[in-house]
Amino acid sequence: MRFAATTVRGMSNAAGAKASREEEIAFLAMEQVLSVEIVLADAGGGSKQPDGAWKLLDGRRGIVEITSPPAADLMREWAAAKRERRPQAESGSVAARLGELAQVCTELLAAEWAQENLEKLLAQPAAERHLFLFARSHSEGGYFYRLSDTYDDNPGEPVDDLVLPDGITDVWFRGRARRDPENRQGSTEVWLARFQAGVGWHRYVVNVEEQHLPSPNPGIADDVVPDGWRQPKNRTVATDGD
C-alpha cells in the first residue's frame, strides 16, 4: 500500500503540545521509512488516543503507539547518579537466548504493559496499527539490537515470524544508534527492525538529526546545546470537527 504525506485533521490536540524525545525519534524514523507525515494524536494528555497518526492515500488512517518495557528503577538510579555526579551505568547480566529472538518478542508482547498499549491501538478506527518499541535498559535493548542489526552483509541471526493480534499490522523495535563522534550535534544513525503482519521482517538504518529532537530528560542528562538551537517539528493540528 502506498502512503500519502498528508496530515490527519480532526485530532483533539492541545495547543502547543509537543512530542517527547523518544516519540520524536520514532516519528522521524517512521516518516523516513513510510514516506508519511505523522501528527501528534494524544497531546500527552492520557486521552486513550494513540501517540501518532497519519493519513493513507485512500483516506484511511494509520496510527502508532510508542512505548518501552518498564524501567522505573533504572531511571531513578540514573537520576540519582546525575544529581550525585556519578557515572550512569547498569549492572548485571542478561541471558543471550541465541536463536530465541522471536520467543523473546512474543513474551514482551504478552506482558501487561504491552497488552495495555495494544488494546489502546485496537480501540481506535484505523487501517494500520503500529506498535513502536524502544528499550531504556540493556536487558531488552540487547535483544532489540540483535533484531535490527544488518550484520554488515554477513548472515544474520535467524528470527521466526511473530503472531500479532488481529488488527495489529506492524511492530517496530528500535535497535542501536551511532552518533557522529566528530560532531555530537550532527546526525545519528538508528537501526530498526519491523515485523509486518503477512509480510515478515524488515530492517532499516535511518538518520536522525539532533537539532530536530527535543532535549533529553533534564532529570537524567544535561542538554549541552545553546538555547533555541533545537528545532523539533510542530506535530499538532487544529481541531476542525471533521
C-alpha atoms as a PDB file:
ATOM      1  CA  MET A   1       0.000   0.000   0.000  1.00  0.00           C
ATOM      2  CA  ARG A   2       1.275   3.497  -0.847  1.00  0.00           C
ATOM      3  CA  PHE A   3       1.189   6.321   1.643  1.00  0.00           C
ATOM      4  CA  ALA A   4       0.342   9.984   1.302  1.00  0.00           C
ATOM      5  CA  ALA A   5       2.372  12.661   3.052  1.00  0.00           C
ATOM      6  CA  THR A   6      -0.726  14.414   4.393  1.00  0.00           C
ATOM      7  CA  THR A   7      -1.863  15.247   7.892  1.00  0.00           C
ATOM      8  CA  VAL A   8      -4.852  13.884   9.756  1.00  0.00           C
ATOM      9  CA  ARG A   9      -7.360  16.574  10.645  1.00  0.00           C
ATOM     10  CA  GLY A  10      -9.888  16.481  13.442  1.00  0.00           C
ATOM     11  CA  MET A  11      -7.483  15.455  16.227  1.00  0.00           C
ATOM     12  CA  SER A  12      -8.081  16.872  19.713  1.00  0.00           C
ATOM     13  CA  ASN A  13      -4.541  18.145  20.270  1.00  0.00           C
ATOM     14  CA  ALA A  14      -3.864  20.742  22.913  1.00  0.00           C
ATOM     15  CA  ALA A  15      -2.317  23.946  21.599  1.00  0.00           C
ATOM     16  CA  GLY A  16       1.468  23.811  21.864  1.00  0.00           C
ATOM     17  CA  ALA A  17       1.606  20.083  22.635  1.00  0.00           C
ATOM     18  CA  LYS A  18       4.972  18.523  21.870  1.00  0.00           C
ATOM     19  CA  ALA A  19       6.303  15.036  21.349  1.00  0.00           C
ATOM     20  CA  SER A  20       8.779  13.616  23.822  1.00  0.00           C
ATOM     21  CA  ARG A  21      12.317  12.883  22.683  1.00  0.00           C
ATOM     22  CA  GLU A  22      11.634   9.142  22.360  1.00  0.00           C
ATOM     23  CA  GLU A  23       8.394   9.799  20.471  1.00  0.00           C
ATOM     24  CA  GLU A  24      10.135  12.188  18.097  1.00  0.00           C
ATOM     25  CA  ILE A  25      12.882   9.672  17.295  1.00  0.00           C
ATOM     26  CA  ALA A  26      10.182   7.128  16.445  1.00  0.00           C
ATOM     27  CA  PHE A  27       8.175   9.623  14.371  1.00  0.00           C
ATOM     28  CA  LEU A  28      11.194  10.755  12.360  1.00  0.00           C
ATOM     29  CA  ALA A  29      12.306   7.173  11.730  1.00  0.00           C
ATOM     30  CA  MET A  30       8.861   6.013  10.636  1.00  0.00           C
ATOM     31  CA  GLU A  31       8.403   9.052   8.399  1.00  0.00           C
ATOM     32  CA  GLN A  32      11.612   8.197   6.559  1.00  0.00           C
ATOM     33  CA  VAL A  33      10.630   4.565   6.092  1.00  0.00           C
ATOM     34  CA  LEU A  34       6.939   5.035   5.274  1.00  0.00           C
ATOM     35  CA  SER A  35       7.054   8.438   3.489  1.00  0.00           C
ATOM     36  CA  VAL A  36       4.288   9.883   5.657  1.00  0.00           C
ATOM     37  CA  GLU A  37       3.734  12.948   7.847  1.00  0.00           C
ATOM     38  CA  ILE A  38       2.838  11.975  11.401  1.00  0.00           C
ATOM     39  CA  VAL A  39       0.814  14.210  13.701  1.00  0.00           C
ATOM     40  CA  LEU A  40       0.753  14.046  17.484  1.00  0.00           C
ATOM     41  CA  ALA A  41      -2.547  12.405  18.347  1.00  0.00           C
ATOM     42  CA  ASP A  42      -2.697  12.255  22.143  1.00  0.00           C
ATOM     43  CA  ALA A  43      -1.063  15.553  23.137  1.00  0.00           C
ATOM     44  CA  GLY A  44       0.417  13.774  26.140  1.00  0.00           C
ATOM     45  CA  GLY A  45      -2.906  14.062  27.932  1.00  0.00           C
ATOM     46  CA  GLY A  46      -3.685  10.424  28.652  1.00  0.00           C
ATOM     47  CA  SER A  47      -6.714  10.617  26.397  1.00  0.00           C
ATOM     48  CA  LYS A  48      -6.563   6.960  25.361  1.00  0.00           C
ATOM     49  CA  GLN A  49      -5.560   8.143  21.907  1.00  0.00           C
ATOM     50  CA  PRO A  50      -2.529   6.693  20.078  1.00  0.00           C
ATOM     51  CA  ASP A  51       0.678   8.714  20.143  1.00  0.00           C
ATOM     52  CA  GLY A  52       0.718   9.497  16.426  1.00  0.00           C
ATOM     53  CA  ALA A  53      -1.440   9.257  13.320  1.00  0.00           C
ATOM     54  CA  TRP A  54      -1.199   9.786   9.575  1.00  0.00           C
ATOM     55  CA  LYS A  55      -3.421   9.545   6.534  1.00  0.00           C
ATOM     56  CA  LEU A  56      -3.142   6.946   3.760  1.00  0.00           C
ATOM     57  CA  LEU A  57      -3.793   7.749   0.115  1.00  0.00           C
ATOM     58  CA  ASP A  58      -7.242   6.214   0.301  1.00  0.00           C
ATOM     59  CA  GLY A  59      -8.194   8.479   3.207  1.00  0.00           C
ATOM     60  CA  ARG A  60      -7.970   5.828   5.900  1.00  0.00           C
ATOM     61  CA  ARG A  61      -5.820   6.252   8.977  1.00  0.00           C
ATOM     62  CA  GLY A  62      -2.577   4.798  10.261  1.00  0.00           C
ATOM     63  CA  ILE A  63      -1.791   5.067  13.972  1.00  0.00           C
ATOM     64  CA  VAL A  64       1.167   4.302  16.219  1.00  0.00           C
ATOM     65  CA  GLU A  65       1.737   3.839  19.942  1.00  0.00           C
ATOM     66  CA  ILE A  66       5.312   4.352  21.195  1.00  0.00           C
ATOM     67  CA  THR A  67       6.391   2.693  24.423  1.00  0.00           C
ATOM     68  CA  SER A  68       9.130   0.783  26.202  1.00  0.00           C
ATOM     69  CA  PRO A  69       9.358  -2.026  28.735  1.00  0.00           C
ATOM     70  CA  PRO A  70       9.126  -0.596  32.268  1.00  0.00           C
ATOM     71  CA  ALA A  71      12.426   0.630  33.700  1.00  0.00           C
ATOM     72  CA  ALA A  72      11.389   2.847  36.612  1.00  0.00           C
ATOM     73  CA  ASP A  73      14.102   1.593  38.963  1.00  0.00           C
ATOM     74  CA  LEU A  74      16.805   2.196  36.365  1.00  0.00           C
ATOM     75  CA  MET A  75      15.527   5.727  35.626  1.00  0.00           C
ATOM     76  CA  ARG A  76      15.575   6.536  39.362  1.00  0.00           C
ATOM     77  CA  GLU A  77      19.138   5.243  39.617  1.00  0.00           C
ATOM     78  CA  TRP A  78      20.238   7.311  36.626  1.00  0.00           C
ATOM     79  CA  ALA A  79      18.566  10.418  38.061  1.00  0.00           C
ATOM     80  CA  ALA A  80      20.343   9.845  41.396  1.00  0.00           C
ATOM     81  CA  ALA A  81      23.651   9.336  39.576  1.00  0.00           C
ATOM     82  CA  LYS A  82      23.210  12.639  37.760  1.00  0.00           C
ATOM     83  CA  ARG A  83      22.443  14.513  40.996  1.00  0.00           C
ATOM     84  CA  GLU A  84      25.441  12.942  42.699  1.00  0.00           C
ATOM     85  CA  ARG A  85      27.679  13.359  39.644  1.00  0.00           C
ATOM     86  CA  ARG A  86      28.322   9.630  39.401  1.00  0.00           C
ATOM     87  CA  PRO A  87      28.587   7.664  36.116  1.00  0.00           C
ATOM     88  CA  GLN A  88      25.288   6.296  34.867  1.00  0.00           C
ATOM     89  CA  ALA A  89      25.761   2.581  34.402  1.00  0.00           C
ATOM     90  CA  GLU A  90      23.858  -0.708  34.500  1.00  0.00           C
ATOM     91  CA  SER A  91      24.971  -3.837  36.282  1.00  0.00           C
ATOM     92  CA  GLY A  92      24.033  -7.487  35.956  1.00  0.00           C
ATOM     93  CA  SER A  93      23.872  -9.936  33.086  1.00  0.00           C
ATOM     94  CA  VAL A  94      21.232 -10.947  30.565  1.00  0.00           C
ATOM     95  CA  ALA A  95      20.751 -14.405  29.084  1.00  0.00           C
ATOM     96  CA  ALA A  96      21.811 -14.443  25.430  1.00  0.00           C
ATOM     97  CA  ARG A  97      18.932 -16.724  24.345  1.00  0.00           C
ATOM     98  CA  LEU A  98      20.559 -17.328  20.970  1.00  0.00           C
ATOM     99  CA  GLY A  99      18.062 -18.431  18.353  1.00  0.00           C
ATOM    100  CA  GLU A 100      15.136 -17.352  20.552  1.00  0.00           C
ATOM    101  CA  LEU A 101      14.568 -13.766  19.435  1.00  0.00           C
ATOM    102  CA  ALA A 102      11.021 -14.471  18.242  1.00  0.00           C
ATOM    103  CA  GLN A 103      10.214 -16.046  21.606  1.00  0.00           C
ATOM    104  CA  VAL A 104      11.649 -13.005  23.390  1.00  0.00           C
ATOM    105  CA  CYS A 105       9.386 -10.746  21.286  1.00  0.00           C
ATOM    106  CA  THR A 106       6.360 -12.944  21.962  1.00  0.00           C
ATOM    107  CA  GLU A 107       6.970 -12.761  25.703  1.00  0.00           C
ATOM    108  CA  LEU A 108       7.365  -8.981  25.596  1.00  0.00           C
ATOM    109  CA  LEU A 109       4.134  -8.523  23.621  1.00  0.00           C
ATOM    110  CA  ALA A 110       2.276 -10.745  26.100  1.00  0.00           C
ATOM    111  CA  ALA A 111       3.354  -8.637  29.093  1.00  0.00           C
ATOM    112  CA  GLU A 112       0.728  -6.457  30.783  1.00  0.00           C
ATOM    113  CA  TRP A 113       2.358  -3.153  29.797  1.00  0.00           C
ATOM    114  CA  ALA A 114       2.425  -4.204  26.112  1.00  0.00           C
ATOM    115  CA  GLN A 115      -1.140  -5.534  26.193  1.00  0.00           C
ATOM    116  CA  GLU A 116      -2.381  -2.193  27.513  1.00  0.00           C
ATOM    117  CA  ASN A 117      -0.790  -0.406  24.561  1.00  0.00           C
ATOM    118  CA  LEU A 118      -2.085  -2.946  22.048  1.00  0.00           C
ATOM    119  CA  GLU A 119      -5.586  -2.551  23.462  1.00  0.00           C
ATOM    120  CA  LYS A 120      -5.312   1.217  23.065  1.00  0.00           C
ATOM    121  CA  LEU A 121      -4.472   0.742  19.387  1.00  0.00           C
ATOM    122  CA  LEU A 122      -7.250  -1.791  18.815  1.00  0.00           C
ATOM    123  CA  ALA A 123      -9.818   0.553  20.365  1.00  0.00           C
ATOM    124  CA  GLN A 124      -9.232   3.118  17.590  1.00  0.00           C
ATOM    125  CA  PRO A 125     -10.520   3.010  14.000  1.00  0.00           C
ATOM    126  CA  ALA A 126      -7.540   2.594  11.676  1.00  0.00           C
ATOM    127  CA  ALA A 127      -6.415   0.696   8.611  1.00  0.00           C
ATOM    128  CA  GLU A 128      -2.922   0.261  10.064  1.00  0.00           C
ATOM    129  CA  ARG A 129      -1.981  -0.047  13.729  1.00  0.00           C
ATOM    130  CA  HIS A 130       1.714   0.121  14.625  1.00  0.00           C
ATOM    131  CA  LEU A 131       3.408  -0.515  17.969  1.00  0.00           C
ATOM    132  CA  PHE A 132       6.878   1.065  18.211  1.00  0.00           C
ATOM    133  CA  LEU A 133       9.119  -0.281  20.988  1.00  0.00           C
ATOM    134  CA  PHE A 134      12.349   1.181  22.332  1.00  0.00           C
ATOM    135  CA  ALA A 135      14.380  -0.006  25.306  1.00  0.00           C
ATOM    136  CA  ARG A 136      15.710   2.054  28.187  1.00  0.00           C
ATOM    137  CA  SER A 137      17.519  -0.887  29.749  1.00  0.00           C
ATOM    138  CA  HIS A 138      20.090  -3.148  28.143  1.00  0.00           C
ATOM    139  CA  SER A 139      18.118  -6.143  29.389  1.00  0.00           C
ATOM    140  CA  GLU A 140      15.735  -5.606  26.462  1.00  0.00           C
ATOM    141  CA  GLY A 141      17.922  -3.324  24.360  1.00  0.00           C
ATOM    142  CA  GLY A 142      20.399  -6.092  23.626  1.00  0.00           C
ATOM    143  CA  TYR A 143      17.665  -8.152  22.015  1.00  0.00           C
ATOM    144  CA  PHE A 144      16.401  -5.153  20.025  1.00  0.00           C
ATOM    145  CA  TYR A 145      19.931  -4.555  18.743  1.00  0.00           C
ATOM    146  CA  ARG A 146      20.159  -8.125  17.514  1.00  0.00           C
ATOM    147  CA  LEU A 147      16.753  -7.912  15.837  1.00  0.00           C
ATOM    148  CA  SER A 148      17.714  -4.830  13.855  1.00  0.00           C
ATOM    149  CA  ASP A 149      21.390  -5.461  13.156  1.00  0.00           C
ATOM    150  CA  THR A 150      22.344  -5.646   9.478  1.00  0.00           C
ATOM    151  CA  TYR A 151      25.470  -7.722  10.289  1.00  0.00           C
ATOM    152  CA  ASP A 152      27.415  -5.899   7.544  1.00  0.00           C
ATOM    153  CA  ASP A 153      26.138  -8.223   4.809  1.00  0.00           C
ATOM    154  CA  ASN A 154      27.078 -11.334   6.784  1.00  0.00           C
ATOM    155  CA  PRO A 155      24.412 -13.934   7.584  1.00  0.00           C
ATOM    156  CA  GLY A 156      22.176 -12.581  10.319  1.00  0.00           C
ATOM    157  CA  GLU A 157      20.658 -14.342  13.288  1.00  0.00           C
ATOM    158  CA  PRO A 158      17.503 -16.126  12.056  1.00  0.00           C
ATOM    159  CA  VAL A 159      14.269 -14.805  13.573  1.00  0.00           C
ATOM    160  CA  ASP A 160      10.949 -16.614  13.220  1.00  0.00           C
ATOM    161  CA  ASP A 161       7.810 -14.728  12.248  1.00  0.00           C
ATOM    162  CA  LEU A 162       5.658 -13.264  15.003  1.00  0.00           C
ATOM    163  CA  VAL A 163       1.964 -13.890  15.560  1.00  0.00           C
ATOM    164  CA  LEU A 164       0.354 -10.484  16.066  1.00  0.00           C
ATOM    165  CA  PRO A 165      -3.111  -9.840  17.494  1.00  0.00           C
ATOM    166  CA  ASP A 166      -5.780  -9.396  14.833  1.00  0.00           C
ATOM    167  CA  GLY A 167      -5.808  -5.764  13.768  1.00  0.00           C
ATOM    168  CA  ILE A 168      -2.185  -5.020  14.699  1.00  0.00           C
ATOM    169  CA  THR A 169      -0.326  -4.641  11.414  1.00  0.00           C
ATOM    170  CA  ASP A 170       3.227  -3.708  12.462  1.00  0.00           C
ATOM    171  CA  VAL A 171       5.571  -3.905  15.430  1.00  0.00           C
ATOM    172  CA  TRP A 172       8.828  -1.911  15.384  1.00  0.00           C
ATOM    173  CA  PHE A 173      11.926  -2.435  17.529  1.00  0.00           C
ATOM    174  CA  ARG A 174      14.469   0.399  17.838  1.00  0.00           C
ATOM    175  CA  GLY A 175      17.973  -1.012  17.917  1.00  0.00           C
ATOM    176  CA  ARG A 176      21.395   0.514  18.330  1.00  0.00           C
ATOM    177  CA  ALA A 177      22.267   4.079  17.464  1.00  0.00           C
ATOM    178  CA  ARG A 178      25.572   5.514  16.265  1.00  0.00           C
ATOM    179  CA  ARG A 179      26.285   9.215  16.601  1.00  0.00           C
ATOM    180  CA  ASP A 180      28.966  11.012  14.611  1.00  0.00           C
ATOM    181  CA  PRO A 181      31.928  11.054  17.067  1.00  0.00           C
ATOM    182  CA  GLU A 182      33.292  14.229  15.464  1.00  0.00           C
ATOM    183  CA  ASN A 183      30.015  16.144  15.639  1.00  0.00           C
ATOM    184  CA  ARG A 184      27.829  15.414  18.663  1.00  0.00           C
ATOM    185  CA  GLN A 185      25.280  17.920  17.366  1.00  0.00           C
ATOM    186  CA  GLY A 186      25.001  16.261  13.972  1.00  0.00           C
ATOM    187  CA  SER A 187      23.112  13.187  12.790  1.00  0.00           C
ATOM    188  CA  THR A 188      22.698   9.789  14.426  1.00  0.00           C
ATOM    189  CA  GLU A 189      22.243   6.516  12.585  1.00  0.00           C
ATOM    190  CA  VAL A 190      19.446   4.441  14.083  1.00  0.00           C
ATOM    191  CA  TRP A 191      18.897   0.745  13.344  1.00  0.00           C
ATOM    192  CA  LEU A 192      15.301  -0.518  13.177  1.00  0.00           C
ATOM    193  CA  ALA A 193      13.585  -3.886  12.907  1.00  0.00           C
ATOM    194  CA  ARG A 194       9.964  -4.013  11.781  1.00  0.00           C
ATOM    195  CA  PHE A 195       7.670  -7.009  11.669  1.00  0.00           C
ATOM    196  CA  GLN A 196       4.784  -6.518   9.233  1.00  0.00           C
ATOM    197  CA  ALA A 197       1.842  -8.899   9.515  1.00  0.00           C
ATOM    198  CA  GLY A 198       1.521 -11.098   6.447  1.00  0.00           C
ATOM    199  CA  VAL A 199       4.878  -9.917   5.074  1.00  0.00           C
ATOM    200  CA  GLY A 200       7.605 -10.609   7.630  1.00  0.00           C
ATOM    201  CA  TRP A 201      10.701  -8.847   8.880  1.00  0.00           C
ATOM    202  CA  HIS A 202      12.259  -5.669   7.511  1.00  0.00           C
ATOM    203  CA  ARG A 203      15.434  -3.944   8.692  1.00  0.00           C
ATOM    204  CA  TYR A 204      16.355  -0.310   8.122  1.00  0.00           C
ATOM    205  CA  VAL A 205      19.017   2.240   9.022  1.00  0.00           C
ATOM    206  CA  VAL A 206      17.785   5.840   9.214  1.00  0.00           C
ATOM    207  CA  ASN A 207      19.461   9.152  10.023  1.00  0.00           C
ATOM    208  CA  VAL A 208      18.050  11.417  12.728  1.00  0.00           C
ATOM    209  CA  GLU A 209      19.304  14.988  13.138  1.00  0.00           C
ATOM    210  CA  GLU A 210      19.957  16.026  16.741  1.00  0.00           C
ATOM    211  CA  GLN A 211      18.679  19.529  16.013  1.00  0.00           C
ATOM    212  CA  HIS A 212      15.263  18.078  15.166  1.00  0.00           C
ATOM    213  CA  LEU A 213      14.926  16.327  18.541  1.00  0.00           C
ATOM    214  CA  PRO A 214      13.616  17.681  21.856  1.00  0.00           C
ATOM    215  CA  SER A 215      16.044  17.971  24.758  1.00  0.00           C
ATOM    216  CA  PRO A 216      16.852  14.866  26.790  1.00  0.00           C
ATOM    217  CA  ASN A 217      15.069  14.355  30.101  1.00  0.00           C
ATOM    218  CA  PRO A 218      16.639  17.057  32.311  1.00  0.00           C
ATOM    219  CA  GLY A 219      16.486  14.761  35.333  1.00  0.00           C
ATOM    220  CA  ILE A 220      18.701  12.246  33.531  1.00  0.00           C
ATOM    221  CA  ALA A 221      21.050  14.292  31.343  1.00  0.00           C
ATOM    222  CA  ASP A 222      22.046  17.901  30.756  1.00  0.00           C
ATOM    223  CA  ASP A 223      21.378  19.463  27.375  1.00  0.00           C
ATOM    224  CA  VAL A 224      24.683  20.816  26.082  1.00  0.00           C
ATOM    225  CA  VAL A 225      23.345  22.792  23.108  1.00  0.00           C
ATOM    226  CA  PRO A 226      22.591  26.547  23.174  1.00  0.00           C
ATOM    227  CA  ASP A 227      19.076  27.750  23.977  1.00  0.00           C
ATOM    228  CA  GLY A 228      16.969  27.965  20.839  1.00  0.00           C
ATOM    229  CA  TRP A 229      19.241  25.652  18.845  1.00  0.00           C
ATOM    230  CA  ARG A 230      16.778  22.767  18.773  1.00  0.00           C
ATOM    231  CA  GLN A 231      14.005  22.962  16.193  1.00  0.00           C
ATOM    232  CA  PRO A 232      11.713  19.929  16.572  1.00  0.00           C
ATOM    233  CA  LYS A 233       8.832  19.558  14.172  1.00  0.00           C
ATOM    234  CA  ASN A 234       5.434  21.012  15.081  1.00  0.00           C
ATOM    235  CA  ARG A 235       3.233  17.919  15.072  1.00  0.00           C
ATOM    236  CA  THR A 236      -0.053  19.383  16.304  1.00  0.00           C
ATOM    237  CA  VAL A 237      -3.016  20.084  14.038  1.00  0.00           C
ATOM    238  CA  ALA A 238      -6.066  22.176  14.687  1.00  0.00           C
ATOM    239  CA  THR A 239      -9.360  20.513  15.539  1.00  0.00           C
ATOM    240  CA  ASP A 240     -11.868  21.203  12.777  1.00  0.00           C
ATOM    241  CA  GLY A 241     -14.731  18.955  13.879  1.00  0.00           C
ATOM    242  CA  ASP A 242     -14.419  16.510  10.942  1.00  0.00           C
END
